[in-house]
N, C-alpha and C. Protein backbone atom coordinates (compact mmCIF):
# COMPACT_ATOMS: atom_id res chain seq x y z
N UNK A 1 -24.56 -41.17 -4.07
CA UNK A 1 -23.92 -40.74 -2.76
C UNK A 1 -22.50 -41.02 -2.10
N UNK A 2 -23.62 -42.48 -1.78
CA UNK A 2 -22.90 -42.35 -0.27
C UNK A 2 -21.23 -43.17 -1.14
N UNK A 3 -21.88 -43.83 -1.93
CA UNK A 3 -19.86 -44.80 -2.59
C UNK A 3 -19.71 -43.29 -3.32
N UNK A 4 -19.64 -42.45 -3.63
CA UNK A 4 -19.39 -41.04 -3.89
C UNK A 4 -18.50 -40.73 -2.73
N UNK A 5 -18.96 -40.38 -1.37
CA UNK A 5 -18.79 -40.05 0.16
C UNK A 5 -17.25 -41.48 -0.28
N UNK A 6 -17.45 -42.02 0.17
CA UNK A 6 -16.71 -43.54 0.19
C UNK A 6 -14.98 -43.75 -0.52
N UNK A 7 -15.78 -43.43 -1.33
CA UNK A 7 -14.60 -42.89 -2.57
C UNK A 7 -13.71 -41.92 -2.13
N UNK A 8 -14.36 -40.87 -2.18
CA UNK A 8 -13.54 -39.32 -1.49
C UNK A 8 -12.73 -39.56 -0.19
N UNK A 9 -13.68 -40.75 0.44
CA UNK A 9 -12.64 -40.71 1.99
C UNK A 9 -11.29 -42.19 1.83
N UNK A 10 -12.28 -42.96 0.90
CA UNK A 10 -10.87 -43.36 1.02
C UNK A 10 -9.16 -42.71 -0.06
N UNK A 11 -9.53 -41.55 -0.82
CA UNK A 11 -9.04 -41.39 -1.67
C UNK A 11 -8.08 -40.16 -0.10
N UNK A 12 -9.00 -39.72 0.06
CA UNK A 12 -7.92 -38.83 1.07
C UNK A 12 -7.55 -39.50 2.08
N UNK A 13 -7.24 -40.66 2.61
CA UNK A 13 -6.81 -41.75 3.60
C UNK A 13 -5.76 -42.27 2.46
N UNK A 14 -5.99 -42.65 1.20
CA UNK A 14 -4.51 -42.81 0.39
C UNK A 14 -3.34 -42.12 -0.08
N UNK A 15 -3.60 -40.20 0.24
CA UNK A 15 -3.21 -39.16 0.24
C UNK A 15 -2.38 -39.06 1.76
N UNK A 16 -3.48 -39.14 2.83
CA UNK A 16 -2.94 -38.83 3.62
C UNK A 16 -1.63 -40.40 4.04
N UNK A 17 -1.87 -41.51 3.77
CA UNK A 17 -0.45 -42.20 3.75
C UNK A 17 0.45 -42.53 3.27
N UNK A 18 -0.08 -41.91 1.92
CA UNK A 18 1.26 -41.11 0.51
C UNK A 18 2.08 -40.25 0.88
N UNK A 19 1.54 -38.92 2.13
CA UNK A 19 2.63 -38.08 2.37
C UNK A 19 3.55 -38.68 4.21
N UNK A 20 2.28 -39.62 4.65
CA UNK A 20 2.97 -40.14 6.03
C UNK A 20 4.26 -41.14 5.66
N UNK A 21 4.09 -41.98 4.60
CA UNK A 21 5.94 -42.30 3.82
C UNK A 21 6.46 -41.96 3.41
N UNK A 22 6.55 -40.51 2.27
CA UNK A 22 7.24 -39.77 2.66
C UNK A 22 7.45 -38.72 3.09
N UNK A 23 7.47 -38.84 4.08
CA UNK A 23 7.84 -37.61 5.28
C UNK A 23 9.01 -38.04 5.61
N UNK A 24 10.17 -36.85 6.59
CA UNK A 24 11.45 -37.05 6.66
C UNK A 24 10.79 -38.16 8.57
N UNK A 25 11.39 -39.04 8.83
CA UNK A 25 11.33 -39.49 10.18
C UNK A 25 12.93 -40.02 10.46
N UNK A 26 12.22 -39.95 11.88
CA UNK A 26 14.03 -41.15 12.58
C UNK A 26 13.46 -41.85 14.02
N UNK A 27 13.80 -43.22 13.21
CA UNK A 27 13.33 -44.19 13.83
C UNK A 27 14.32 -45.20 15.16
N UNK A 28 14.05 -45.82 15.64
CA UNK A 28 15.13 -46.40 16.80
C UNK A 28 14.79 -47.63 16.86
N UNK A 29 15.83 -48.38 17.39
CA UNK A 29 15.73 -49.91 18.09
C UNK A 29 16.80 -50.10 18.54
N UNK A 30 16.61 -50.47 20.01
CA UNK A 30 17.00 -51.26 21.30
C UNK A 30 17.08 -52.36 20.82
N UNK A 31 18.99 -53.23 21.11
CA UNK A 31 19.34 -54.34 21.12
C UNK A 31 20.81 -54.64 21.74
N UNK A 32 20.89 -55.19 22.09
CA UNK A 32 20.46 -56.16 21.97
C UNK A 32 18.47 -57.20 23.20
N UNK A 33 17.68 -57.85 23.32
CA UNK A 33 16.62 -56.97 23.83
C UNK A 33 15.68 -58.34 24.18
N UNK A 34 15.15 -58.94 25.09
CA UNK A 34 14.76 -60.29 25.50
C UNK A 34 13.14 -59.71 25.22
N UNK A 35 12.82 -58.69 25.16
CA UNK A 35 11.35 -58.28 25.38
C UNK A 35 10.75 -57.71 24.12
N UNK A 36 9.99 -57.67 23.60
CA UNK A 36 9.59 -57.52 22.41
C UNK A 36 9.45 -55.75 22.59
N UNK A 37 9.42 -55.13 21.58
CA UNK A 37 9.43 -53.19 21.56
C UNK A 37 9.09 -52.86 21.21
N UNK A 38 8.69 -51.51 21.89
CA UNK A 38 7.71 -50.63 21.91
C UNK A 38 8.29 -49.93 20.52
N UNK A 39 7.85 -49.84 19.14
CA UNK A 39 8.33 -49.07 18.23
C UNK A 39 7.43 -48.46 16.98
N UNK A 40 7.72 -47.30 17.73
CA UNK A 40 6.81 -46.45 16.58
C UNK A 40 7.41 -44.89 16.08
N UNK A 41 7.16 -44.15 15.09
CA UNK A 41 8.10 -43.35 14.27
C UNK A 41 8.54 -42.62 15.63
N UNK A 42 9.40 -42.20 16.16
CA UNK A 42 10.16 -40.83 17.13
C UNK A 42 10.26 -41.69 18.61
N UNK A 43 10.14 -42.93 18.10
CA UNK A 43 10.56 -43.20 19.67
C UNK A 43 10.23 -44.92 20.01
N UNK A 44 10.61 -45.55 20.85
CA UNK A 44 11.27 -46.89 20.66
C UNK A 44 11.44 -47.97 21.86
N UNK A 45 11.27 -48.55 23.01
CA UNK A 45 11.65 -48.73 24.33
C UNK A 45 11.56 -50.25 24.50
N UNK A 46 12.60 -50.53 25.66
CA UNK A 46 12.00 -52.27 25.39
C UNK A 46 12.65 -52.47 27.38
N UNK A 47 11.41 -52.68 28.14
CA UNK A 47 11.60 -53.98 29.29
C UNK A 47 12.33 -53.92 30.01
N UNK A 48 13.55 -54.85 29.03
CA UNK A 48 14.50 -55.35 29.50
C UNK A 48 15.28 -55.73 28.45
N UNK A 49 16.75 -55.49 28.62
CA UNK A 49 17.75 -55.98 27.68
C UNK A 49 18.86 -56.31 28.25
N UNK A 50 19.16 -57.67 27.05
CA UNK A 50 20.08 -58.50 27.09
C UNK A 50 21.40 -58.28 27.71
N UNK A 51 22.43 -57.23 27.72
CA UNK A 51 23.37 -56.89 27.84
C UNK A 51 23.38 -55.70 28.92
N UNK A 52 25.14 -55.71 29.35
CA UNK A 52 24.97 -54.99 29.73
C UNK A 52 25.57 -53.70 29.35
N UNK A 53 26.05 -53.73 28.13
CA UNK A 53 26.54 -53.06 27.19
C UNK A 53 25.91 -52.49 25.94
N UNK A 54 24.27 -52.40 25.72
CA UNK A 54 23.05 -52.36 24.95
C UNK A 54 23.90 -51.49 23.97
N UNK A 55 23.33 -51.10 22.86
CA UNK A 55 23.58 -50.32 21.60
C UNK A 55 22.06 -49.59 21.50
N UNK A 56 21.78 -48.66 20.56
CA UNK A 56 20.70 -47.49 20.70
C UNK A 56 20.61 -47.40 19.01
N UNK A 57 20.36 -47.62 17.57
CA UNK A 57 20.54 -47.85 16.17
C UNK A 57 19.16 -46.75 16.47
N UNK A 58 19.54 -45.67 15.52
CA UNK A 58 18.57 -44.62 15.08
C UNK A 58 18.26 -44.59 13.05
N UNK A 59 17.81 -44.59 12.98
CA UNK A 59 17.97 -44.20 11.84
C UNK A 59 16.82 -43.65 10.57
N UNK A 60 17.35 -42.48 9.71
CA UNK A 60 16.70 -41.51 9.68
C UNK A 60 16.40 -41.36 8.48
N UNK A 61 14.74 -41.56 8.03
CA UNK A 61 14.44 -42.12 6.88
C UNK A 61 13.69 -41.20 5.91
N UNK A 62 14.79 -40.57 5.16
CA UNK A 62 14.25 -39.22 4.39
C UNK A 62 13.55 -38.90 3.12
N UNK A 63 12.88 -38.24 2.63
CA UNK A 63 11.86 -37.69 1.52
C UNK A 63 12.35 -38.54 0.50
N UNK A 64 13.93 -38.30 0.10
CA UNK A 64 14.49 -38.80 -1.31
C UNK A 64 15.89 -38.43 -0.23
N UNK A 65 16.81 -38.81 -1.75
CA UNK A 65 18.48 -39.45 -1.50
C UNK A 65 18.91 -38.54 -0.47
N UNK A 66 19.98 -38.39 0.27
CA UNK A 66 20.66 -37.49 0.64
C UNK A 66 21.98 -37.17 0.71
N UNK A 67 22.38 -36.28 0.91
CA UNK A 67 23.64 -35.67 0.64
C UNK A 67 24.62 -35.69 1.86
N UNK A 68 24.16 -34.76 3.08
CA UNK A 68 23.96 -34.08 4.31
C UNK A 68 23.20 -34.75 5.60
N UNK A 69 23.62 -34.67 6.09
CA UNK A 69 22.74 -35.16 7.56
C UNK A 69 23.36 -34.08 8.45
N UNK A 70 23.15 -33.31 8.93
CA UNK A 70 23.40 -33.09 11.24
C UNK A 70 22.64 -33.74 11.87
N UNK A 71 22.86 -34.59 12.66
CA UNK A 71 23.03 -34.93 13.75
C UNK A 71 23.19 -34.45 14.72
N UNK A 72 22.02 -34.05 15.59
CA UNK A 72 22.48 -34.17 17.35
C UNK A 72 21.90 -35.04 18.03
N UNK A 73 22.23 -35.45 19.42
CA UNK A 73 22.63 -36.15 20.13
C UNK A 73 22.21 -36.13 21.27
N UNK A 74 21.86 -36.81 22.06
CA UNK A 74 21.77 -36.31 23.79
C UNK A 74 21.13 -37.37 24.60
N UNK A 75 22.22 -37.29 25.64
CA UNK A 75 21.96 -38.45 26.92
C UNK A 75 22.71 -38.49 28.13
N UNK A 76 21.74 -38.57 29.20
CA UNK A 76 22.55 -38.47 30.44
C UNK A 76 24.02 -39.49 30.56
N UNK A 77 23.81 -40.93 30.23
CA UNK A 77 24.49 -41.77 29.67
C UNK A 77 26.39 -41.44 29.83
N UNK A 78 27.03 -42.68 30.00
CA UNK A 78 28.25 -42.70 30.19
C UNK A 78 28.14 -43.34 28.47
N UNK A 79 29.07 -43.01 26.97
CA UNK A 79 28.88 -43.86 25.77
C UNK A 79 29.52 -43.65 24.90
N UNK A 80 29.24 -43.66 23.39
CA UNK A 80 30.17 -43.35 22.41
C UNK A 80 28.61 -43.36 21.71
N UNK A 81 29.29 -42.44 20.85
CA UNK A 81 28.24 -42.08 19.68
C UNK A 81 28.95 -42.20 18.56
N UNK A 82 28.12 -43.10 17.19
CA UNK A 82 28.51 -42.90 15.68
C UNK A 82 27.87 -42.71 15.21
N UNK A 83 27.87 -41.84 14.58
CA UNK A 83 26.86 -40.49 14.07
C UNK A 83 27.79 -39.83 12.73
N UNK A 84 27.65 -40.38 11.38
CA UNK A 84 28.22 -39.66 10.50
C UNK A 84 27.91 -38.51 9.52
N UNK A 85 28.14 -37.91 9.27
CA UNK A 85 27.60 -36.94 8.44
C UNK A 85 26.84 -37.31 6.91
N UNK A 86 27.88 -38.14 6.46
CA UNK A 86 27.01 -38.87 5.29
C UNK A 86 26.33 -40.30 5.58
N UNK A 87 25.72 -40.26 6.64
CA UNK A 87 25.38 -41.49 6.81
C UNK A 87 23.75 -40.89 7.71
N UNK A 88 22.78 -42.69 6.93
CA UNK A 88 21.73 -42.05 7.37
C UNK A 88 21.13 -42.54 8.88
N UNK A 89 22.36 -43.46 9.57
CA UNK A 89 21.78 -44.18 10.54
C UNK A 89 23.09 -43.39 11.57
N UNK A 90 22.44 -43.58 13.04
CA UNK A 90 23.19 -43.03 14.01
C UNK A 90 23.01 -44.18 14.99
N UNK A 91 24.97 -45.03 15.83
CA UNK A 91 24.22 -45.58 16.71
C UNK A 91 24.94 -45.27 17.73
N UNK A 92 24.08 -44.72 19.36
CA UNK A 92 24.58 -44.93 20.27
C UNK A 92 25.22 -46.53 21.38
N UNK A 93 26.45 -46.35 21.46
CA UNK A 93 26.58 -47.31 22.17
C UNK A 93 26.88 -47.31 23.96
N UNK A 94 25.78 -47.79 24.89
CA UNK A 94 25.57 -47.77 26.56
C UNK A 94 27.30 -48.38 26.04
N UNK A 95 28.07 -48.20 27.77
CA UNK A 95 28.96 -49.10 28.19
C UNK A 95 28.42 -49.34 29.40
N UNK A 96 27.50 -48.93 29.86
CA UNK A 96 26.63 -49.91 30.88
C UNK A 96 27.37 -49.12 32.54
N UNK A 97 28.40 -47.75 32.45
CA UNK A 97 29.04 -47.76 34.00
C UNK A 97 27.66 -46.65 34.47
N UNK A 98 26.73 -46.13 34.06
CA UNK A 98 25.86 -45.30 34.61
C UNK A 98 25.23 -46.26 35.42
N UNK A 99 24.75 -45.48 37.00
CA UNK A 99 24.11 -46.24 37.84
C UNK A 99 22.99 -46.30 37.73
N UNK A 100 21.81 -45.66 36.25
CA UNK A 100 20.59 -46.12 36.45
C UNK A 100 20.38 -46.87 36.03
N UNK A 101 19.54 -48.21 36.23
CA UNK A 101 18.89 -48.99 35.36
C UNK A 101 17.89 -48.69 34.26
N UNK A 102 17.27 -47.69 34.34
CA UNK A 102 16.44 -46.94 33.82
C UNK A 102 17.30 -46.23 32.55
N UNK A 103 16.76 -46.41 31.58
CA UNK A 103 18.19 -44.91 30.57
C UNK A 103 17.07 -44.64 29.48
N UNK A 104 17.83 -44.14 28.72
CA UNK A 104 17.24 -42.48 27.45
C UNK A 104 18.63 -41.84 27.03
N UNK A 105 17.70 -42.55 25.70
CA UNK A 105 18.82 -40.81 24.54
C UNK A 105 18.03 -41.25 23.46
N UNK A 106 18.12 -39.61 22.96
CA UNK A 106 17.81 -39.17 21.57
C UNK A 106 18.19 -38.37 20.97
N UNK A 107 18.69 -39.17 19.15
CA UNK A 107 18.82 -38.16 18.78
C UNK A 107 18.28 -38.07 17.11
N UNK A 108 18.74 -36.75 16.72
CA UNK A 108 17.76 -35.78 15.86
C UNK A 108 18.53 -35.50 14.60
N UNK A 109 17.60 -35.44 13.60
CA UNK A 109 18.48 -34.30 12.86
C UNK A 109 18.15 -33.30 12.21
N UNK A 110 18.64 -31.95 12.09
CA UNK A 110 18.50 -31.62 12.41
C UNK A 110 18.74 -30.81 10.78
N UNK A 111 19.40 -30.79 9.92
CA UNK A 111 19.31 -30.50 8.93
C UNK A 111 19.89 -31.69 8.31
N UNK A 112 19.13 -31.45 6.45
CA UNK A 112 19.87 -32.26 5.82
C UNK A 112 20.08 -31.09 4.06
N UNK A 113 20.66 -31.93 3.87
CA UNK A 113 21.09 -31.28 1.87
C UNK A 113 20.79 -32.58 1.58
N UNK A 114 19.96 -32.47 1.01
CA UNK A 114 20.03 -33.82 -0.24
C UNK A 114 20.12 -33.89 -1.89
N UNK A 115 20.63 -34.87 -2.18
CA UNK A 115 20.97 -34.59 -3.21
C UNK A 115 21.44 -33.63 -4.76
N UNK A 116 19.75 -33.67 -4.41
CA UNK A 116 19.09 -33.13 -5.66
C UNK A 116 19.65 -31.28 -5.54
N UNK A 117 20.33 -31.21 -4.51
CA UNK A 117 20.60 -30.05 -4.17
C UNK A 117 19.28 -29.25 -3.14
N UNK A 118 18.57 -29.44 -2.87
CA UNK A 118 18.00 -28.82 -1.71
C UNK A 118 17.75 -29.18 -0.17
N UNK A 119 18.20 -28.04 0.67
CA UNK A 119 18.08 -28.85 2.20
C UNK A 119 16.58 -28.43 2.17
N UNK A 120 16.98 -28.89 3.58
CA UNK A 120 15.38 -28.20 4.70
C UNK A 120 16.45 -28.13 6.45
N UNK A 121 15.60 -27.21 6.85
CA UNK A 121 16.18 -27.24 8.63
C UNK A 121 15.21 -28.06 8.99
N UNK A 122 15.37 -29.28 10.16
CA UNK A 122 14.60 -29.77 11.21
C UNK A 122 14.82 -29.71 11.75
N UNK A 123 13.34 -30.96 13.10
CA UNK A 123 14.08 -31.42 14.28
C UNK A 123 13.72 -32.41 14.29
N UNK A 124 13.60 -33.40 13.36
CA UNK A 124 13.21 -35.09 12.98
C UNK A 124 13.85 -35.76 14.86
N UNK A 125 12.72 -36.35 15.90
CA UNK A 125 14.00 -36.92 16.51
C UNK A 125 13.33 -38.51 17.07
N UNK A 126 14.27 -39.43 17.80
CA UNK A 126 13.41 -40.77 17.57
C UNK A 126 13.72 -40.37 19.49
N UNK A 127 14.00 -41.30 20.23
CA UNK A 127 13.31 -41.25 21.67
C UNK A 127 13.47 -42.38 22.49
N UNK A 128 14.93 -43.18 23.09
CA UNK A 128 15.10 -45.21 23.53
C UNK A 128 15.32 -44.76 24.22
N UNK A 129 13.75 -45.27 25.55
CA UNK A 129 13.75 -45.58 26.64
C UNK A 129 13.87 -47.32 27.28
N UNK A 130 15.23 -47.43 27.65
CA UNK A 130 15.32 -48.62 27.97
C UNK A 130 15.71 -49.54 29.21
N UNK A 131 15.28 -50.51 29.57
CA UNK A 131 16.07 -50.69 31.30
C UNK A 131 17.22 -51.81 31.12
N UNK A 132 18.14 -51.75 31.93
CA UNK A 132 18.83 -52.51 31.71
C UNK A 132 18.76 -54.13 32.82
N UNK A 133 17.33 -54.12 33.66
CA UNK A 133 16.99 -55.14 34.57
C UNK A 133 17.63 -54.76 36.02
N UNK A 134 17.66 -56.24 37.09
CA UNK A 134 19.06 -55.58 37.88
C UNK A 134 20.40 -55.37 38.33
N UNK A 135 20.75 -54.20 38.79
CA UNK A 135 21.74 -54.06 38.26
C UNK A 135 23.17 -54.44 40.10
N UNK A 136 24.33 -55.95 39.42
CA UNK A 136 24.47 -56.06 40.95
C UNK A 136 25.65 -55.54 41.34
């Protein structure tokens, strides 16, 4: 009985892991940084970046090959976004001109057309929070 319960629990864990591994999600990373980053699906953060003009790299991890991605992005910072409809990556280039040292940027995938002809509306987002440190 205990062996069967353990086997069932293990199988449920593997199925849950497999479903999460195949789930569409957006990841992010702040660059460059001198401190370890906190990185989770949907969030990344750095206590200190080492450039006055950092960038945030967002990566859509699709469950299957894509043909087209609709990105939506948001920040109150000045800078430039580079996000293409045929790319799973999206980059925010912070120009360092905004006054606050604490910064954030968010990128979301709103719709995806897969290469197999199917499509899905979604709201998969990642938010980056980072600190430029002392500003003189």
